N, C-alpha and C. Protein backbone atom coordinates (compact mmCIF):
# COMPACT_ATOMS: atom_id res chain seq x y z
N UNK A 1 316.21 119.69 65.08
CA UNK A 1 314.80 118.64 64.97
C UNK A 1 313.99 119.47 63.90
N UNK A 2 313.50 118.26 63.13
CA UNK A 2 312.71 118.29 62.00
C UNK A 2 311.29 119.19 62.39
N UNK A 3 311.06 120.09 61.94
CA UNK A 3 309.80 121.15 61.86
C UNK A 3 308.43 120.31 61.31
N UNK A 4 307.76 119.53 62.19
CA UNK A 4 306.81 118.78 61.57
C UNK A 4 305.55 119.67 60.92
N UNK A 5 305.73 121.24 61.10
CA UNK A 5 304.71 121.88 60.46
C UNK A 5 305.08 121.95 59.11
N UNK A 6 306.38 122.02 58.91
CA UNK A 6 306.66 122.13 57.47
C UNK A 6 307.27 121.06 56.74
N UNK A 7 307.39 120.09 57.36
CA UNK A 7 308.14 118.83 56.87
C UNK A 7 307.23 118.20 55.77
N UNK A 8 307.79 117.79 54.52
CA UNK A 8 307.06 117.24 53.42
C UNK A 8 306.49 116.24 53.97
N UNK A 9 304.98 115.84 54.01
CA UNK A 9 304.32 115.06 54.49
C UNK A 9 304.51 113.70 53.73
N UNK A 10 304.69 113.66 52.61
CA UNK A 10 304.53 112.47 51.55
C UNK A 10 305.67 112.39 50.57
N UNK A 11 306.82 111.90 50.92
CA UNK A 11 308.10 111.97 50.06
C UNK A 11 308.21 111.13 49.44
N UNK A 12 307.28 111.10 48.40
CA UNK A 12 306.99 110.43 46.99
C UNK A 12 307.17 111.27 45.95
N UNK A 13 308.13 111.12 45.06
CA UNK A 13 308.49 111.65 43.81
C UNK A 13 308.06 110.68 42.80
N UNK A 14 307.61 111.33 41.37
CA UNK A 14 307.15 110.65 40.41
C UNK A 14 308.89 110.63 39.56
N UNK A 15 309.29 109.86 38.80
CA UNK A 15 310.17 109.91 37.84
C UNK A 15 309.74 110.91 36.48
N UNK A 16 310.63 111.79 36.66
CA UNK A 16 310.30 112.98 35.48
C UNK A 16 310.25 112.17 33.97
N UNK A 17 309.00 112.04 33.29
CA UNK A 17 308.85 111.49 32.01
C UNK A 17 309.71 110.12 31.88
N UNK A 18 309.45 109.41 32.74
CA UNK A 18 310.13 108.12 32.54
C UNK A 18 309.06 107.23 32.28
N UNK A 19 309.22 106.27 31.02
CA UNK A 19 308.42 105.11 30.38
C UNK A 19 308.01 104.16 31.73
N UNK A 20 306.74 103.65 31.48
CA UNK A 20 306.29 102.59 31.96
C UNK A 20 306.58 101.22 31.48
N UNK A 21 306.82 100.31 32.57
CA UNK A 21 306.95 99.02 31.90
C UNK A 21 306.72 97.84 32.85
N UNK A 22 306.42 96.63 32.68
CA UNK A 22 306.02 95.58 33.63
C UNK A 22 306.86 95.51 34.66
N UNK A 23 306.54 95.50 35.95
CA UNK A 23 307.16 95.44 37.13
C UNK A 23 307.31 96.78 37.81
N UNK A 24 307.21 98.08 37.12
CA UNK A 24 307.33 99.19 37.69
C UNK A 24 306.18 99.62 38.70
N UNK A 25 306.42 100.42 39.63
CA UNK A 25 305.62 100.83 40.76
C UNK A 25 305.17 102.24 40.04
N UNK A 26 303.78 102.53 39.89
CA UNK A 26 303.29 103.52 39.41
C UNK A 26 302.07 104.25 40.29
N UNK A 27 302.24 105.56 40.25
CA UNK A 27 301.05 106.53 40.87
C UNK A 27 299.86 106.45 39.94
N UNK A 28 298.66 105.82 40.21
CA UNK A 28 297.68 105.92 39.57
C UNK A 28 296.63 107.00 39.42
N UNK A 29 295.72 107.06 38.73
CA UNK A 29 295.02 108.13 38.54
C UNK A 29 294.21 108.56 39.89
N UNK A 30 293.99 107.35 40.76
CA UNK A 30 293.26 107.69 42.23
C UNK A 30 294.26 108.04 43.20
N UNK A 31 295.32 108.23 42.85
CA UNK A 31 296.67 108.46 43.81
C UNK A 31 297.14 107.44 44.71
N UNK A 32 296.76 106.36 44.08
CA UNK A 32 297.22 105.08 44.95
C UNK A 32 298.58 104.46 43.98
N UNK A 33 299.22 103.88 44.69
CA UNK A 33 300.50 103.37 43.94
C UNK A 33 300.27 101.82 43.73
N UNK A 34 300.45 101.19 42.47
CA UNK A 34 300.34 99.82 42.19
C UNK A 34 301.47 99.33 41.21
N UNK A 35 301.49 98.17 41.08
CA UNK A 35 302.64 97.50 40.36
C UNK A 35 302.05 97.11 38.83
N UNK A 36 303.04 97.52 37.83
CA UNK A 36 302.54 97.63 36.63
C UNK A 36 302.54 95.82 36.16
N UNK A 37 301.67 95.40 35.75
CA UNK A 37 301.57 94.10 34.84
C UNK A 37 302.11 94.26 33.54
N UNK A 38 301.64 94.75 32.77
CA UNK A 38 301.88 95.35 31.42
C UNK A 38 301.23 96.59 30.80
N UNK A 39 301.72 97.11 29.58
CA UNK A 39 301.36 98.23 29.20
C UNK A 39 300.72 97.92 27.66
N UNK A 40 299.29 98.11 27.43
CA UNK A 40 298.64 97.66 26.32
C UNK A 40 297.79 98.74 25.47
N UNK A 41 297.47 98.63 24.50
CA UNK A 41 296.46 99.71 23.77
C UNK A 41 295.18 99.26 24.31
N UNK A 42 294.04 100.00 24.38
CA UNK A 42 292.86 99.83 24.91
C UNK A 42 292.41 98.66 24.34
N UNK A 43 291.87 97.58 25.13
CA UNK A 43 291.23 96.48 24.39
C UNK A 43 289.63 96.51 24.47
N UNK A 44 289.49 95.96 23.41
CA UNK A 44 288.01 96.01 23.04
C UNK A 44 287.21 94.94 24.01
N UNK A 45 286.05 95.54 24.62
CA UNK A 45 285.42 94.52 25.47
C UNK A 45 285.99 94.77 27.01
N UNK A 46 286.88 95.12 27.25
CA UNK A 46 287.48 95.14 28.61
C UNK A 46 286.80 96.21 29.41
N UNK A 47 286.16 95.83 30.68
CA UNK A 47 285.36 96.43 31.32
C UNK A 47 285.83 98.04 31.73
N UNK A 48 287.22 98.17 31.95
CA UNK A 48 287.70 99.44 32.07
C UNK A 48 287.96 100.21 30.88
N UNK A 49 288.50 99.58 29.73
CA UNK A 49 288.66 100.24 28.65
C UNK A 49 287.58 100.45 27.73
N UNK A 50 286.58 99.96 28.00
CA UNK A 50 285.23 100.03 27.00
C UNK A 50 284.80 101.49 26.94
N UNK A 51 284.52 101.92 25.88
CA UNK A 51 284.21 103.34 25.70
C UNK A 51 285.41 104.14 25.11
N UNK A 52 286.56 103.63 25.08
CA UNK A 52 287.78 104.87 24.94
C UNK A 52 287.74 104.86 23.62
N UNK A 53 287.14 105.72 22.99
CA UNK A 53 287.28 106.32 21.69
C UNK A 53 288.66 106.87 21.21
N UNK A 54 289.54 106.71 21.73
CA UNK A 54 290.64 107.57 21.31
C UNK A 54 292.12 106.61 21.27
N UNK A 55 291.60 105.20 21.64
CA UNK A 55 293.03 104.44 21.64
C UNK A 55 294.09 104.61 22.58
N UNK A 56 293.64 105.00 23.61
CA UNK A 56 295.05 105.18 24.60
C UNK A 56 295.74 104.19 24.95
N UNK A 57 296.88 104.14 25.19
CA UNK A 57 297.68 103.12 25.83
C UNK A 57 297.09 102.99 27.36
N UNK A 58 297.25 101.84 27.93
CA UNK A 58 296.51 101.79 29.41
C UNK A 58 297.69 100.89 30.19
N UNK A 59 297.94 101.31 31.22
CA UNK A 59 298.63 100.38 32.12
C UNK A 59 297.88 99.43 32.93
N UNK A 60 297.90 98.15 32.85
CA UNK A 60 297.30 97.12 33.50
C UNK A 60 298.14 96.52 34.54
N UNK A 61 297.39 96.60 35.86
CA UNK A 61 298.11 96.39 36.94
C UNK A 61 297.87 95.05 37.80
N UNK A 62 298.86 94.66 38.46
CA UNK A 62 298.70 93.37 39.10
C UNK A 62 297.65 93.17 40.10
N UNK A 63 297.21 94.06 40.37
CA UNK A 63 295.68 94.07 41.07
C UNK A 63 294.15 93.90 40.32
N UNK A 64 294.60 93.67 39.13
CA UNK A 64 293.35 93.63 38.15
C UNK A 64 292.71 94.94 37.55
N UNK A 65 293.24 96.10 38.00
CA UNK A 65 292.72 97.40 37.61
C UNK A 65 293.48 97.78 36.36
N UNK A 66 293.18 98.79 35.46
CA UNK A 66 293.89 99.43 34.47
C UNK A 66 293.52 100.77 34.63
N UNK A 67 294.52 101.51 34.11
CA UNK A 67 294.52 102.96 34.04
C UNK A 67 295.28 103.46 32.93
N UNK A 68 294.67 104.78 32.37
CA UNK A 68 295.05 105.40 30.91
C UNK A 68 296.68 105.55 31.51
N UNK A 69 297.48 105.56 30.59
CA UNK A 69 298.85 105.75 30.80
C UNK A 69 299.21 106.92 30.81
N UNK A 70 298.65 107.98 30.17
CA UNK A 70 298.85 109.29 30.36
C UNK A 70 298.16 110.05 31.67
N UNK A 71 297.87 109.29 32.61
CA UNK A 71 297.00 109.38 33.73
C UNK A 71 298.09 108.73 34.96
N UNK A 72 299.02 107.99 34.42
CA UNK A 72 300.00 107.40 35.27
C UNK A 72 301.48 108.08 35.40
N UNK A 73 302.02 107.84 36.55
CA UNK A 73 303.36 108.13 36.64
C UNK A 73 304.33 107.27 37.45
N UNK A 74 305.45 107.12 36.94
CA UNK A 74 306.43 105.98 37.46
C UNK A 74 307.00 106.67 38.89
N UNK A 75 306.91 105.85 39.81
CA UNK A 75 307.66 106.23 41.10
C UNK A 75 309.14 106.12 41.04
N UNK A 76 309.52 107.25 41.71
CA UNK A 76 311.09 107.20 41.66
C UNK A 76 311.61 106.27 42.56
N UNK A 77 312.10 105.29 42.03
CA UNK A 77 312.93 104.25 42.96
C UNK A 77 314.58 104.48 43.12
N UNK A 78 314.85 105.75 43.05
CA UNK A 78 316.25 106.03 43.09
C UNK A 78 316.72 106.03 44.61
N UNK A 79 315.67 106.40 45.46
CA UNK A 79 316.04 106.60 47.08
C UNK A 79 315.96 105.57 47.80
N UNK A 80 315.86 104.21 47.36
CA UNK A 80 315.28 102.92 47.77
C UNK A 80 316.82 102.56 48.83
N UNK A 81 317.82 102.68 48.27
CA UNK A 81 319.01 102.50 49.31
C UNK A 81 319.13 103.46 50.61
N UNK A 82 318.80 104.62 50.13
CA UNK A 82 318.87 105.80 50.92
C UNK A 82 317.93 105.53 52.32
N UNK A 83 316.79 105.25 51.88
CA UNK A 83 315.63 104.92 52.89
C UNK A 83 316.06 103.98 53.55
N UNK A 84 316.46 102.57 53.06
CA UNK A 84 316.99 101.51 53.98
C UNK A 84 317.65 101.99 54.77
N UNK A 85 318.74 102.75 54.65
CA UNK A 85 319.62 103.15 55.55
C UNK A 85 319.04 104.20 56.60
N UNK A 86 318.06 104.98 56.29
CA UNK A 86 317.35 105.83 57.07
C UNK A 86 316.33 105.07 58.17
N UNK A 87 315.80 103.72 57.83
CA UNK A 87 315.17 102.96 58.33
C UNK A 87 316.07 102.45 59.48
N UNK A 88 317.02 102.05 59.20
CA UNK A 88 318.02 101.28 60.13
C UNK A 88 318.80 102.38 61.17
N UNK A 89 318.88 103.52 60.73
CA UNK A 89 319.42 104.46 61.59
C UNK A 89 318.27 104.85 62.67
N UNK A 90 316.97 105.28 61.98
CA UNK A 90 316.02 105.70 62.81
C UNK A 90 315.45 104.64 63.92
N UNK A 91 315.47 103.55 63.25
CA UNK A 91 314.69 102.34 64.14
C UNK A 91 315.90 101.88 65.46
N UNK A 92 317.29 101.94 65.01
CA UNK A 92 318.07 101.79 66.25
C UNK A 92 317.86 102.80 67.34
N UNK A 93 317.64 104.15 66.97
CA UNK A 93 317.62 105.00 67.63
C UNK A 93 316.29 105.01 68.66
N UNK A 94 315.26 104.81 67.98
CA UNK A 94 314.22 104.56 68.73
C UNK A 94 313.85 103.40 69.50
N UNK A 95 314.40 102.37 69.17
CA UNK A 95 314.21 101.09 70.11
C UNK A 95 315.33 100.97 71.21
N UNK A 96 316.55 101.59 70.84
CA UNK A 96 317.50 101.47 72.19
C UNK A 96 317.40 102.50 73.16
N UNK A 97 316.69 103.59 73.00
CA UNK A 97 316.59 104.61 73.92
C UNK A 97 315.13 105.38 73.88
N UNK A 98 314.11 104.82 74.17
CA UNK A 98 312.91 105.36 73.75
C UNK A 98 312.61 106.60 74.87
N UNK A 99 312.41 107.79 74.14
CA UNK A 99 312.14 108.94 75.08
C UNK A 99 311.21 110.08 74.13
N UNK A 100 310.15 110.03 74.21
CA UNK A 100 309.18 111.00 73.56
C UNK A 100 309.67 112.28 73.85
N UNK A 101 310.11 112.73 75.09
CA UNK A 101 310.34 114.16 75.43
C UNK A 101 311.62 114.57 74.70
N UNK A 102 312.68 113.68 74.04
CA UNK A 102 313.73 113.86 73.61
C UNK A 102 313.65 114.49 72.25
N UNK A 103 314.33 115.47 71.69
CA UNK A 103 314.32 115.95 70.56
C UNK A 103 315.00 114.96 69.31
N UNK A 104 315.80 114.36 69.40
CA UNK A 104 316.52 113.28 68.78
C UNK A 104 315.70 112.21 68.61
N UNK A 105 315.06 111.65 69.64
CA UNK A 105 313.98 110.63 69.46
C UNK A 105 312.94 110.98 68.68
N UNK A 106 312.16 112.15 68.78
CA UNK A 106 311.18 112.52 67.93
C UNK A 106 311.59 112.81 66.53
N UNK A 107 313.00 113.42 66.41
CA UNK A 107 313.18 113.41 65.05
C UNK A 107 313.61 111.98 64.13
N UNK A 108 313.92 110.94 65.02
CA UNK A 108 314.32 109.74 64.46
C UNK A 108 312.51 108.91 64.08
N UNK A 109 311.64 109.35 64.86
CA UNK A 109 310.23 108.86 64.48
C UNK A 109 309.84 109.45 63.33
N UNK A 110 309.93 110.78 63.07
CA UNK A 110 309.89 111.55 62.06
C UNK A 110 310.56 110.85 60.77
N UNK A 111 311.90 110.50 60.74
CA UNK A 111 312.65 109.99 60.04
C UNK A 111 312.12 108.66 59.48
N UNK A 112 312.02 107.74 60.48
CA UNK A 112 311.27 106.39 60.23
C UNK A 112 310.08 106.66 59.40
N UNK A 113 309.15 107.26 59.92
CA UNK A 113 308.00 107.82 59.18
C UNK A 113 307.93 107.85 57.61
N UNK A 114 308.94 108.92 57.40
CA UNK A 114 308.94 109.29 56.04
C UNK A 114 309.67 108.21 55.09
N UNK A 115 310.77 107.40 55.73
CA UNK A 115 311.20 106.51 55.18
C UNK A 115 310.45 105.22 54.95
N UNK A 116 309.48 104.77 55.53
CA UNK A 116 308.80 103.75 55.47
C UNK A 116 307.60 103.89 54.61
N UNK A 117 307.09 105.25 54.66
CA UNK A 117 306.01 105.48 53.84
C UNK A 117 306.78 105.66 52.42
N UNK A 118 307.88 106.08 52.02
CA UNK A 118 308.54 106.11 50.55
C UNK A 118 308.60 104.37 50.26
N UNK A 119 309.30 103.62 51.28
CA UNK A 119 309.39 102.27 50.67
C UNK A 119 308.23 101.36 50.42
N UNK A 120 307.12 101.90 51.25
CA UNK A 120 305.88 101.20 51.06
C UNK A 120 305.48 101.25 49.71
N UNK A 121 305.78 102.51 49.04
CA UNK A 121 305.20 103.01 47.89
C UNK A 121 306.33 102.28 46.39
N UNK A 122 307.59 102.55 46.89
CA UNK A 122 308.73 102.35 45.92
C UNK A 122 309.07 101.07 46.08
N UNK A 123 309.16 100.34 47.05
CA UNK A 123 309.43 98.92 47.05
C UNK A 123 309.03 98.03 48.34
N UNK A 124 307.89 97.79 48.00
CA UNK A 124 306.93 96.90 48.95
C UNK A 124 307.95 95.79 49.72
N UNK A 125 308.59 95.13 49.04
CA UNK A 125 309.29 93.72 49.25
C UNK A 125 310.32 94.34 50.39
N UNK A 126 311.02 95.40 50.01
CA UNK A 126 311.76 95.68 51.25
C UNK A 126 311.35 96.05 52.52
N UNK A 127 310.09 96.55 52.54
CA UNK A 127 309.35 96.61 54.03
C UNK A 127 309.02 95.54 54.67
N UNK A 128 308.70 94.36 53.65
CA UNK A 128 308.65 92.89 54.05
C UNK A 128 309.63 92.28 54.68
N UNK A 129 310.74 92.53 54.02
CA UNK A 129 312.09 92.14 54.55
C UNK A 129 312.58 92.63 55.59
N UNK A 130 312.10 94.00 55.90
CA UNK A 130 312.66 94.67 57.25
C UNK A 130 311.69 94.33 58.18
N UNK A 131 310.48 93.98 58.20
CA UNK A 131 309.74 93.80 59.29
C UNK A 131 309.54 92.39 59.57
N UNK A 132 310.09 91.43 58.70
CA UNK A 132 310.01 90.06 58.87
C UNK A 132 310.97 89.58 60.16
N UNK A 133 311.75 90.44 60.54
CA UNK A 133 312.64 90.19 61.87
C UNK A 133 312.06 90.60 63.26
N UNK A 134 312.88 90.49 64.24
CA UNK A 134 312.55 90.87 65.78
C UNK A 134 311.94 92.24 65.56
N UNK A 135 311.04 92.47 66.31
CA UNK A 135 310.48 94.21 66.44
C UNK A 135 309.90 94.13 67.82
N UNK A 136 309.44 95.49 67.91
CA UNK A 136 308.86 95.70 69.32
C UNK A 136 307.89 96.78 68.90
N UNK A 137 306.66 96.77 69.94
CA UNK A 137 305.62 97.81 69.42
C UNK A 137 305.72 98.77 70.52
N UNK A 138 305.77 99.94 70.07
CA UNK A 138 305.52 101.14 71.06
C UNK A 138 304.57 102.20 70.51
N UNK A 139 303.83 102.50 71.46
CA UNK A 139 302.87 103.64 71.45
C UNK A 139 303.38 105.09 71.38
N UNK A 140 303.20 106.07 70.63
CA UNK A 140 303.49 106.96 70.28
C UNK A 140 302.63 108.17 69.96
N UNK A 141 302.72 109.37 70.08
CA UNK A 141 301.92 110.44 69.73
C UNK A 141 302.71 111.32 68.74
N UNK A 142 301.91 111.33 67.61
CA UNK A 142 302.51 112.03 66.28
C UNK A 142 301.80 112.81 65.43
N UNK A 143 302.10 113.58 64.59
CA UNK A 143 301.24 114.51 63.71
C UNK A 143 300.44 113.44 62.89
N UNK A 144 299.24 113.73 62.60
CA UNK A 144 298.51 112.91 61.98
C UNK A 144 299.03 112.47 60.56
N UNK A 145 299.94 113.52 59.70
CA UNK A 145 300.39 113.29 58.47
C UNK A 145 301.40 112.42 58.54
N UNK A 146 302.06 112.09 59.87
CA UNK A 146 303.16 110.98 59.79
C UNK A 146 302.73 109.56 59.93
N UNK A 147 301.40 109.32 60.05
CA UNK A 147 300.70 107.96 60.31
C UNK A 147 301.38 107.35 59.01
N UNK A 148 301.89 106.03 59.21
CA UNK A 148 302.35 105.20 58.48
C UNK A 148 301.56 103.93 58.05
N UNK A 149 301.49 103.24 56.85
CA UNK A 149 301.15 101.85 56.85
C UNK A 149 301.65 100.91 57.62
N UNK A 150 300.56 100.33 58.51
CA UNK A 150 300.99 99.10 59.41
C UNK A 150 300.77 99.77 60.65
N UNK A 151 300.97 100.88 60.70
CA UNK A 151 300.49 101.52 62.32
C UNK A 151 298.91 101.14 62.89
N UNK A 152 298.84 101.03 64.09
CA UNK A 152 297.48 101.13 64.96
C UNK A 152 297.18 102.29 65.20
N UNK A 153 296.35 102.97 64.46
CA UNK A 153 295.88 104.49 64.78
C UNK A 153 294.83 104.48 66.03
N UNK A 154 294.73 105.15 66.86
CA UNK A 154 293.40 105.08 67.74
C UNK A 154 292.75 106.58 67.55
N UNK A 155 291.51 106.03 67.15
CA UNK A 155 290.64 106.98 66.53
C UNK A 155 289.14 106.56 66.65
N UNK A 156 288.24 107.49 66.79
CA UNK A 156 286.80 107.06 66.87
C UNK A 156 286.60 106.17 67.93
N UNK A 157 287.36 106.11 69.06
CA UNK A 157 287.28 105.30 70.19
C UNK A 157 287.61 103.59 69.96
N UNK A 158 288.34 103.56 68.58
CA UNK A 158 288.66 102.07 68.64
C UNK A 158 290.00 102.30 68.00
N UNK A 159 290.62 100.86 67.52
CA UNK A 159 292.06 101.22 66.99
C UNK A 159 291.75 100.47 65.43
N UNK A 160 292.32 101.08 64.64
CA UNK A 160 292.23 101.07 63.14
C UNK A 160 293.64 100.69 62.60
N UNK A 161 293.80 99.53 61.64
CA UNK A 161 294.83 99.29 61.35
C UNK A 161 295.09 99.99 59.87
N UNK A 162 296.23 100.80 59.82
CA UNK A 162 296.28 101.52 58.70
C UNK A 162 296.77 100.79 57.55
N UNK A 163 296.03 100.71 56.21
CA UNK A 163 296.37 100.04 55.10
C UNK A 163 297.28 100.62 54.28
N UNK A 164 296.93 101.95 54.12
CA UNK A 164 297.74 102.65 53.03
C UNK A 164 297.30 104.28 53.28
N UNK A 165 298.25 104.99 53.13
CA UNK A 165 298.38 106.34 53.08
C UNK A 165 298.96 107.25 52.49
N UNK A 166 298.45 108.71 52.19
CA UNK A 166 299.29 109.46 51.37
C UNK A 166 298.56 110.57 51.28
N UNK A 167 298.78 111.85 50.46
CA UNK A 167 298.56 112.82 50.35
C UNK A 167 298.28 113.28 48.76
N UNK A 168 296.81 113.68 48.64
CA UNK A 168 296.45 113.89 47.11
C UNK A 168 296.08 115.48 47.19
N UNK A 169 296.29 116.09 45.88
CA UNK A 169 295.93 117.36 45.24
C UNK A 169 294.86 117.63 44.53
N UNK A 170 293.85 118.11 45.06
CA UNK A 170 292.54 118.35 44.25
C UNK A 170 292.09 119.70 44.30
N UNK A 171 292.18 120.38 42.96
CA UNK A 171 291.90 121.73 42.90
C UNK A 171 292.72 122.59 43.85
N UNK A 172 293.95 122.31 43.88
CA UNK A 172 295.26 122.94 44.36
C UNK A 172 295.11 122.90 45.85
N UNK A 173 294.31 122.10 46.52
CA UNK A 173 294.06 121.64 48.04
C UNK A 173 294.68 120.23 48.11
N UNK A 174 295.68 120.39 49.28
CA UNK A 174 296.20 119.21 49.22
C UNK A 174 295.47 118.45 50.75
N UNK A 175 295.05 117.18 50.67
CA UNK A 175 294.53 116.60 51.62
C UNK A 175 295.11 115.02 51.97
N UNK A 176 295.45 114.93 53.31
CA UNK A 176 295.94 113.66 53.86
C UNK A 176 294.76 112.45 53.76
N UNK A 177 295.00 111.37 53.69
CA UNK A 177 294.20 110.58 53.53
C UNK A 177 294.86 109.04 53.84
N UNK A 178 293.97 108.11 54.62
CA UNK A 178 294.40 107.02 54.98
C UNK A 178 293.39 105.57 54.78
N UNK A 179 293.79 104.82 54.52
CA UNK A 179 292.81 103.52 54.21
C UNK A 179 292.87 102.68 55.37
N UNK A 180 291.89 102.60 56.29
CA UNK A 180 291.76 101.81 57.49
C UNK A 180 290.86 100.55 57.60
N UNK A 181 291.21 99.90 58.69
CA UNK A 181 290.28 98.74 58.87
C UNK A 181 290.20 98.34 60.31
N UNK A 182 289.06 98.35 61.19
CA UNK A 182 289.17 97.97 62.40
C UNK A 182 289.96 96.80 62.83
N UNK A 183 290.84 96.88 63.56
CA UNK A 183 291.71 95.71 64.12
C UNK A 183 290.84 94.52 64.56
N UNK A 184 289.97 94.89 65.57
CA UNK A 184 289.29 93.54 66.15
C UNK A 184 287.99 93.75 65.41
N UNK A 185 287.03 92.50 65.94
CA UNK A 185 285.71 92.52 65.32
C UNK A 185 284.75 93.68 66.01
N UNK A 186 285.17 93.76 67.40
CA UNK A 186 284.64 94.98 68.08
C UNK A 186 284.82 96.23 67.45
N UNK A 187 285.80 96.40 67.14
CA UNK A 187 286.57 97.57 66.33
C UNK A 187 285.65 97.75 65.05
N UNK A 188 285.46 96.77 64.46
CA UNK A 188 284.71 96.92 63.10
C UNK A 188 283.27 97.02 63.15
N UNK A 189 282.79 96.52 64.30
CA UNK A 189 281.17 96.76 64.69
C UNK A 189 280.94 98.32 64.81
N UNK A 190 282.02 98.79 65.70
CA UNK A 190 281.79 100.47 65.81
C UNK A 190 282.01 101.26 64.83
N UNK A 191 282.77 100.78 63.71
CA UNK A 191 282.98 101.78 62.50
C UNK A 191 282.34 101.12 61.12
N UNK A 192 283.19 100.49 60.42
CA UNK A 192 282.76 99.94 59.11
C UNK A 192 283.54 98.30 59.26
N UNK A 193 282.90 97.40 58.70
CA UNK A 193 283.10 95.88 58.66
C UNK A 193 284.13 95.95 57.53
N UNK A 194 284.26 96.89 56.64
CA UNK A 194 285.01 96.53 55.43
C UNK A 194 286.14 97.97 55.74
N UNK A 195 287.02 97.77 54.74
CA UNK A 195 288.17 98.83 54.70
C UNK A 195 287.38 100.28 54.45
N UNK A 196 288.03 101.37 54.61
CA UNK A 196 287.25 102.57 54.41
C UNK A 196 288.51 103.41 54.47
N UNK A 197 288.15 105.24 54.22
CA UNK A 197 289.05 106.05 54.07
C UNK A 197 288.71 106.96 54.75
N UNK A 198 289.68 107.40 55.61
CA UNK A 198 289.37 108.96 56.30
C UNK A 198 290.43 109.88 55.78
N UNK A 199 289.98 111.19 55.86
CA UNK A 199 290.73 112.26 55.22
C UNK A 199 290.70 113.33 56.20
N UNK A 200 291.66 114.30 55.75
CA UNK A 200 291.59 115.70 56.53
C UNK A 200 292.40 116.56 55.64
N UNK A 201 292.08 117.94 55.70
CA UNK A 201 292.92 118.86 54.71
C UNK A 201 294.46 118.49 55.45
N UNK A 202 295.38 119.01 54.83
CA UNK A 202 296.81 118.73 55.12
C UNK A 202 297.17 119.70 56.32
N UNK A 203 296.62 120.91 56.07
CA UNK A 203 296.99 121.97 57.24
C UNK A 203 296.72 121.48 58.43
N UNK A 204 295.66 121.10 58.86
CA UNK A 204 295.36 120.59 60.02
C UNK A 204 296.10 118.92 60.29
N UNK A 205 296.25 118.38 59.39
CA UNK A 205 296.82 116.96 59.68
C UNK A 205 298.48 116.96 59.85
N UNK A 206 298.99 118.40 59.62
CA UNK A 206 300.36 118.41 59.90
C UNK A 206 300.44 118.73 61.32
N UNK A 207 299.63 119.18 61.98
CA UNK A 207 299.73 119.59 63.51
C UNK A 207 298.84 118.80 64.59
N UNK A 208 297.80 118.05 64.00
CA UNK A 208 296.79 117.43 64.51
C UNK A 208 297.55 116.06 64.96
N UNK A 209 297.58 115.89 66.70
CA UNK A 209 298.64 114.74 67.26
C UNK A 209 297.47 113.70 67.11
N UNK A 210 297.82 112.49 66.97
CA UNK A 210 297.19 111.19 67.12
C UNK A 210 298.15 110.12 67.98
N UNK A 211 297.36 109.26 68.32
CA UNK A 211 298.13 108.12 69.04
C UNK A 211 298.15 106.85 68.04
N UNK A 212 299.33 106.48 68.19
CA UNK A 212 299.52 105.13 67.21
C UNK A 212 300.21 104.02 67.91
N UNK A 213 300.07 103.04 67.72
CA UNK A 213 300.74 101.91 67.84
C UNK A 213 301.49 101.42 66.73
N UNK A 214 303.07 101.48 66.73
CA UNK A 214 303.88 101.07 65.67
C UNK A 214 304.90 100.11 65.91
N UNK A 215 305.16 99.13 65.23
CA UNK A 215 306.06 98.16 65.12
C UNK A 215 307.26 98.42 64.56
N UNK A 216 308.53 98.79 65.56
CA UNK A 216 309.62 99.05 65.08
C UNK A 216 310.58 98.00 65.13
N UNK A 217 311.08 97.82 63.62
CA UNK A 217 312.15 96.68 63.43
C UNK A 217 313.36 96.76 64.51
N UNK A 218 313.71 95.77 65.00
CA UNK A 218 315.04 95.92 65.98
C UNK A 218 316.18 95.29 64.96
N UNK A 219 316.76 96.22 64.33
CA UNK A 219 317.72 96.07 63.33
C UNK A 219 319.19 96.47 63.88
N UNK A 220 320.15 95.83 63.57
CA UNK A 220 321.64 95.92 64.13
C UNK A 220 321.92 97.26 63.74
N UNK A 221 322.69 97.92 64.64
CA UNK A 221 323.44 99.23 64.14
C UNK A 221 324.19 99.36 63.11
């Protein structure tokens, strides 16, 4: 069984020295992953590029943001096929014989978490395809660092929809973070009405156990 105290919490690699072009997925300066629309030199008068005295190249993203190219890194897409296979294998094990006390079931949950987190970053269209079919929702207790986009996280006495998650390193300290939003109107009244970010030092996040509801795709073996 995978040791969750040492498992890599965010299996997302940047492609070494790979150039960015339109359509690529890129890790931006805020540690979020976005899709590149185009690469341009600094644009005079652009609200983001304004004041750039050195004429850096900028990556313009499909969400309307722009980031200095030297602050971005291309997401390694070489493991997409491997991750699809891992999702299929893990989801089949989880759905067919739910047993939280079984080591193989726990390992499948960990494998599914890592594969889905990678695919959300590297190829979100694949995740949409996988999740478009039949599925079942299972409640489970997992280390906080294994929370996955799409989960419903139980925290602060409410249910939170996890929109994105990751691990950032600042001053050599790794921090787990998740962007969340209350699931119901009541949940939002108890927390924030708009999306917000919760975070925790990575060490505690690796062993801190939380309850989530996760939609598991019912895929053929």
